[in-house]
Structures are given as structure tokens and as C-alpha cells.
Protein backbone atom coordinates (compact mmCIF):
# COMPACT_ATOMS: atom_id res chain seq x y z
CA MET A 1 17.10 -44.12 2.27
CA PHE A 2 13.59 -44.36 0.86
CA SER A 3 10.60 -42.32 2.00
CA GLU A 4 8.22 -44.72 3.72
CA GLU A 5 5.80 -41.88 4.41
CA PHE A 6 5.40 -41.02 0.73
CA GLN A 7 5.04 -44.70 -0.10
CA LYS A 8 2.13 -44.92 2.36
CA ILE A 9 0.45 -41.89 0.74
CA VAL A 10 0.78 -43.34 -2.77
CA GLU A 11 -0.60 -46.71 -1.65
CA PHE A 12 -3.42 -45.09 0.34
CA ARG A 13 -4.53 -43.06 -2.68
CA ARG A 14 -7.17 -45.13 -4.43
CA SER A 15 -10.02 -44.07 -6.69
CA ASN A 16 -12.88 -44.40 -4.21
CA ARG A 17 -16.40 -44.30 -5.66
CA ALA A 18 -18.52 -44.30 -2.50
CA TYR A 19 -17.96 -41.87 0.35
CA ASP A 20 -19.20 -41.99 3.93
CA SER A 21 -22.21 -39.67 4.24
CA GLU A 22 -21.57 -39.16 7.97
CA ILE A 23 -18.04 -37.79 7.64
CA ASP A 24 -17.42 -34.30 6.36
CA VAL A 25 -14.24 -32.99 4.75
CA GLU A 26 -13.16 -29.66 6.19
CA ASP A 27 -12.80 -26.75 3.77
CA GLU A 28 -9.21 -26.34 4.95
CA VAL A 29 -8.32 -29.75 3.48
CA ILE A 30 -9.58 -28.74 0.03
CA GLU A 31 -8.02 -25.29 0.20
CA LYS A 32 -4.63 -26.67 1.24
CA SER A 33 -4.80 -29.34 -1.47
CA ILE A 34 -5.63 -26.79 -4.19
CA LYS A 35 -2.70 -24.66 -3.04
CA ARG A 36 -0.49 -27.75 -3.35
CA ALA A 37 -1.94 -28.40 -6.81
CA ILE A 38 -0.91 -24.89 -7.86
CA LEU A 39 2.69 -25.79 -6.98
CA ALA A 40 2.73 -28.52 -9.65
CA PRO A 41 5.25 -28.26 -12.49
CA ASN A 42 3.78 -26.80 -15.65
CA SER A 43 4.94 -25.83 -19.10
CA SER A 44 6.83 -22.50 -19.17
CA ASN A 45 5.25 -21.58 -15.83
CA LEU A 46 2.26 -20.25 -17.77
CA GLN A 47 -0.14 -21.92 -15.31
CA LEU A 48 -2.88 -22.23 -17.92
CA TRP A 49 -5.38 -23.71 -15.51
CA GLU A 50 -8.30 -22.95 -13.22
CA PHE A 51 -9.76 -24.90 -10.30
CA HIS A 52 -13.50 -24.66 -9.73
CA TRP A 53 -14.27 -25.80 -6.19
CA ILE A 54 -17.84 -27.09 -5.85
CA LYS A 55 -18.68 -27.16 -2.15
CA SER A 56 -22.30 -26.14 -1.52
CA GLN A 57 -24.86 -28.94 -1.53
CA GLN A 58 -26.95 -27.01 -4.04
CA GLU A 59 -24.09 -26.84 -6.53
CA LEU A 60 -23.10 -30.46 -5.85
CA ASP A 61 -26.66 -31.49 -6.64
CA ARG A 62 -26.47 -29.54 -9.91
CA LEU A 63 -23.17 -31.09 -10.93
CA THR A 64 -23.96 -34.70 -9.98
CA PRO A 65 -26.36 -35.48 -12.88
CA LEU A 66 -23.88 -33.85 -15.26
CA CYS A 67 -21.39 -36.45 -14.00
CA LEU A 68 -23.90 -39.10 -15.11
CA ASN A 69 -24.99 -39.73 -11.52
CA GLN A 70 -21.87 -41.70 -10.72
CA SER A 71 -21.66 -42.86 -7.14
CA ALA A 72 -18.39 -40.95 -6.78
CA ALA A 73 -20.33 -37.77 -7.56
CA LYS A 74 -23.55 -38.56 -5.69
CA THR A 75 -21.75 -39.22 -2.39
CA ALA A 76 -19.04 -36.56 -2.71
CA LYS A 77 -18.57 -33.89 -0.04
CA HIS A 78 -16.67 -31.69 -2.49
CA MET A 79 -15.85 -31.73 -6.18
CA VAL A 80 -13.13 -29.80 -7.96
CA VAL A 81 -13.30 -29.19 -11.70
CA PHE A 82 -9.84 -28.91 -13.26
CA VAL A 83 -9.97 -26.58 -16.25
CA THR A 84 -7.37 -25.70 -18.88
CA ARG A 85 -7.13 -22.10 -20.09
CA LYS A 86 -4.95 -22.10 -23.21
CA ASP A 87 -6.76 -18.91 -24.20
CA LEU A 88 -5.03 -17.05 -21.35
CA TRP A 89 -1.51 -17.58 -22.70
CA LYS A 90 -1.02 -13.86 -23.51
CA SER A 91 -1.88 -12.58 -20.03
CA ARG A 92 0.02 -15.38 -18.27
CA SER A 93 3.06 -14.79 -20.48
CA LYS A 94 2.94 -11.08 -19.66
CA TRP A 95 2.65 -11.94 -15.96
CA ASN A 96 5.88 -13.92 -16.15
CA TYR A 97 7.57 -11.20 -18.21
CA ASP A 98 6.61 -8.55 -15.65
CA LYS A 99 7.91 -10.73 -12.82
CA ILE A 100 11.32 -10.85 -14.48
CA VAL A 101 11.31 -7.10 -15.12
CA LYS A 102 10.58 -6.39 -11.45
CA SER A 103 13.42 -8.68 -10.39
CA ILE A 104 16.02 -6.74 -12.38
CA GLU A 105 18.25 -4.43 -10.41
CA GLY A 106 20.48 -2.43 -12.72
CA LYS A 107 21.63 -4.18 -15.87
CA PRO A 108 19.78 -7.46 -16.62
CA GLY A 109 21.88 -10.60 -16.45
CA LYS A 110 22.14 -13.32 -19.08
CA LEU A 111 19.45 -15.47 -17.46
CA GLN A 112 17.08 -12.51 -17.14
CA LYS A 113 17.62 -11.49 -20.77
CA GLY A 114 16.91 -15.04 -21.82
CA GLY A 115 13.70 -15.05 -19.79
CA LEU A 116 12.52 -11.76 -21.27
CA ASN A 117 13.14 -12.99 -24.82
CA TYR A 118 11.45 -16.29 -23.98
CA TYR A 119 8.17 -14.68 -22.93
CA LYS A 120 8.32 -11.82 -25.43
CA LYS A 121 9.29 -13.76 -28.57
CA LEU A 122 9.18 -17.54 -28.19
CA ILE A 123 5.91 -17.98 -26.30
CA PRO A 124 3.91 -15.93 -28.87
CA LEU A 125 5.46 -18.03 -31.64
CA VAL A 126 4.44 -21.25 -29.87
CA TYR A 127 0.89 -20.26 -28.83
CA MET A 128 -0.39 -17.68 -31.30
CA ASN A 129 -2.91 -18.87 -33.92
CA ASP A 130 -4.69 -17.40 -36.92
CA PRO A 131 -7.83 -18.44 -38.82
CA PHE A 132 -5.86 -19.46 -41.92
CA TYR A 133 -3.35 -21.67 -40.04
CA MET A 134 -0.43 -19.69 -41.45
CA LEU A 135 1.32 -19.68 -38.08
CA THR A 136 0.85 -23.43 -37.75
CA THR A 137 2.51 -23.86 -41.14
CA LEU A 138 5.31 -21.51 -40.07
CA ARG A 139 5.90 -23.46 -36.84
CA LYS A 140 6.00 -26.79 -38.65
CA THR A 141 8.34 -25.38 -41.27
CA ILE A 142 10.70 -24.01 -38.61
CA SER A 143 10.57 -27.34 -36.79
CA PHE A 144 11.27 -29.31 -39.96
CA PHE A 145 14.31 -27.35 -41.04
CA GLY A 146 15.52 -26.76 -37.49
CA GLY A 147 15.41 -30.47 -36.81
CA LEU A 148 17.29 -31.59 -39.92
CA ARG A 149 20.72 -31.47 -38.29
CA LYS A 150 20.05 -31.31 -34.54
CA PRO A 151 17.44 -32.05 -31.86
CA PHE A 152 14.72 -29.43 -32.09
CA TYR A 153 11.45 -28.68 -30.30
CA ARG A 154 8.71 -29.75 -32.73
CA MET A 155 6.12 -27.01 -32.71
CA GLY A 156 2.70 -27.58 -34.24
CA GLY A 157 -0.85 -26.32 -34.18
CA LYS A 158 -3.79 -26.26 -31.79
CA SER A 159 -3.74 -29.99 -31.06
CA GLU A 160 -0.14 -29.86 -29.83
CA GLN A 161 -0.93 -26.77 -27.74
CA ARG A 162 -3.91 -28.54 -26.15
CA ILE A 163 -1.79 -31.56 -25.27
CA VAL A 164 0.75 -29.36 -23.48
CA VAL A 165 -1.81 -27.50 -21.33
CA HIS A 166 -3.73 -30.69 -20.49
CA LYS A 167 -0.52 -32.39 -19.37
CA SER A 168 0.23 -29.48 -17.05
CA CYS A 169 -3.29 -29.51 -15.63
CA ALA A 170 -3.11 -33.28 -15.06
CA LEU A 171 0.09 -32.78 -13.06
CA ALA A 172 -1.79 -30.33 -10.83
CA ALA A 173 -4.63 -32.84 -10.45
CA GLN A 174 -2.19 -35.51 -9.28
CA ASN A 175 -0.72 -33.11 -6.71
CA PHE A 176 -4.26 -32.46 -5.49
CA MET A 177 -5.14 -36.15 -5.12
CA LEU A 178 -1.91 -36.99 -3.31
CA SER A 179 -2.55 -34.08 -0.96
CA ILE A 180 -6.08 -35.34 -0.25
CA ALA A 181 -4.61 -38.76 0.54
CA ALA A 182 -1.98 -37.21 2.80
CA GLU A 183 -4.79 -35.60 4.81
CA GLY A 184 -6.49 -38.97 5.30
CA PHE A 185 -9.31 -38.60 2.76
CA HIS A 186 -10.08 -40.10 -0.61
CA SER A 187 -10.71 -38.90 -4.15
CA CYS A 188 -11.85 -40.13 -7.54
CA PRO A 189 -10.87 -38.55 -10.87
CA MET A 190 -13.87 -38.65 -13.20
CA GLU A 191 -13.85 -38.47 -16.98
CA GLY A 192 -17.47 -39.50 -17.35
CA PHE A 193 -19.34 -36.20 -17.55
CA ASP A 194 -21.28 -34.03 -20.02
CA ASN A 195 -18.57 -31.62 -21.08
CA LYS A 196 -20.90 -29.06 -22.68
CA ARG A 197 -23.34 -28.90 -19.78
CA VAL A 198 -20.59 -28.65 -17.16
CA LYS A 199 -19.04 -25.76 -19.11
CA LYS A 200 -22.42 -24.05 -19.21
CA MET A 201 -23.01 -24.62 -15.49
CA LEU A 202 -19.65 -23.07 -14.63
CA ASN A 203 -20.09 -20.31 -17.22
CA LEU A 204 -16.71 -21.13 -18.73
CA SER A 205 -15.38 -19.19 -21.68
CA TYR A 206 -15.20 -20.70 -25.16
CA GLY A 207 -11.45 -21.30 -24.86
CA ALA A 208 -11.69 -23.17 -21.56
CA GLU A 209 -11.63 -26.96 -21.53
CA ILE A 210 -12.35 -29.40 -18.73
CA ASN A 211 -9.42 -31.66 -17.90
CA MET A 212 -11.13 -33.78 -15.25
CA ILE A 213 -13.50 -33.57 -12.29
CA ILE A 214 -12.28 -34.90 -8.96
CA SER A 215 -14.65 -35.84 -6.16
CA VAL A 216 -13.55 -35.92 -2.52
CA GLY A 217 -14.83 -37.59 0.62
CA LYS A 218 -14.05 -40.18 3.28
CA GLY A 219 -13.94 -43.40 1.32
CA THR A 220 -15.70 -46.63 2.22
CA ASP A 221 -14.70 -50.23 1.59
CA LYS A 222 -17.39 -50.66 -1.05
CA GLY A 223 -16.04 -47.62 -2.86
CA VAL A 224 -12.88 -49.49 -3.83
CA TRP A 225 -13.58 -51.89 -6.67
CA GLY A 226 -11.19 -54.68 -5.87
CA PRO A 227 -7.38 -54.95 -5.77
CA ARG A 228 -5.22 -52.46 -7.65
CA TYR A 229 -3.88 -54.46 -10.59
CA ARG A 230 -0.92 -53.15 -12.56
CA VAL A 231 0.86 -54.53 -15.62
CA PRO A 232 4.16 -56.11 -14.49
CA TYR A 233 7.08 -53.74 -13.99
CA GLU A 234 9.13 -55.60 -16.59
CA GLU A 235 6.50 -54.93 -19.29
CA VAL A 236 6.43 -51.16 -18.90
CA VAL A 237 9.96 -50.21 -17.76
CA PHE A 238 12.84 -50.32 -20.22
CA LYS A 239 16.36 -49.67 -19.00
CA ARG A 240 18.82 -48.39 -21.60
């Protein structure tokens, strides 16, 4: 009834902060895991993310001090920088729109028409911004009046947009870490890094933001800092 195999993967996945220097992680493991990350659910299928795979020792040595010389970075065989690209919403929306257009044979169906309108009209309304915040005001006004009598998607400004794309990128990161665990290796998601210097090192555009950096290797016992404590189930789960 229940998947014992998946349970083993979830329990095996621990944030390991010290990797075995004698054991390499094959490129195929990282490549397969990134491909699995790309399959993660994401808002409107816009896929507003990038994955910067740091694999050469030279580049690892450059990135390690920018990760504050954490052990998880110093001993890593690979690191992957998960990046959000909210600034690419126009091109990714057009990509989805074109995919729907190519799928149409003859007269478009109801679902296809809905998809075309979604990417042509709704996505620009949700993601477009202007220097005077007029569109933000418009979105909040629409949300306010639209939500007076019925449930309504509450649109906002840049902060709400950032939350959406970071959530999607985090889902991809979780796929990646579970995949690494399934292949018998370990990972550690790091938030301790110099955001500005990492962006400069990777030559990221102004609109790109770093979601997290994940190191990969064959974990050691000392890399796991004690038991995995969790708040009791009854304190965080509410049945209604």
C-alpha cells in the first residue's frame, strides 16, 4: 500500500556537511538529478529558473569562500546554484503560447483557447511592472473588488511575484536533492553565501536571484550533525 522505497529515500536524505574526499560523484548523477529537478511543478509552467552546475575544481575553489568556507562547500564534489529568473517571464510565456499554437489542428478547442488567453492576457497582467507602480495598484484594485463576493486570486506587486518564483525554484531544488539521495549520494542546501559576489562570479543578470546553493558528495558520519529532530506531528498537522 505504501511506498517503502520512497520512504527510504526521504529518510536517507540528510543535510550532510562533510563529504568523503576519496569518493567522486559521476557527472551522470548530477545531470540526471538536474533533469529530474526540471520536472518539478512550477507556477503556470513558466519555469522561471536556471541551474548553474559548478563541477571543475577551479570553479569550486572560487565558489567555496563565497559560501563562507562552510565545510559543505569545501568538501563538495559538485555544487549547483539554483537561480530564479522572474525577468524572463515574457519569453517563457511566449514559449508556452507557441507550444499551444503548434498543438492546434484545425479549430482550437475550449482548453486551447483558454491556454492562449492565459498566456496572452493574464500572465502579462500578473507579471508586468512599471516604474510608477501603476500596474501594482491596478492588480490590487482588481483583487480587492474581485474578492468582495467570491474567492479571487490576490495579485500584488514585485514581492508577491518573487515569492511565487522562489517557491517554484525551491520545488525544483527538493526534486534535485531527493534524486541525489536516490542515487546513493548526499547533499546540503546552503543559504549562507555572499549573494552579490556569487551573482558576479556567475555573471548573472540584474533580474536573476539566487534561491539556494546545493553541494553534493558522498556524505560522512561527521557530516550529519546529530539526530533529525522534528516538532511533533500533532503540533503542525490540523485535520478539518
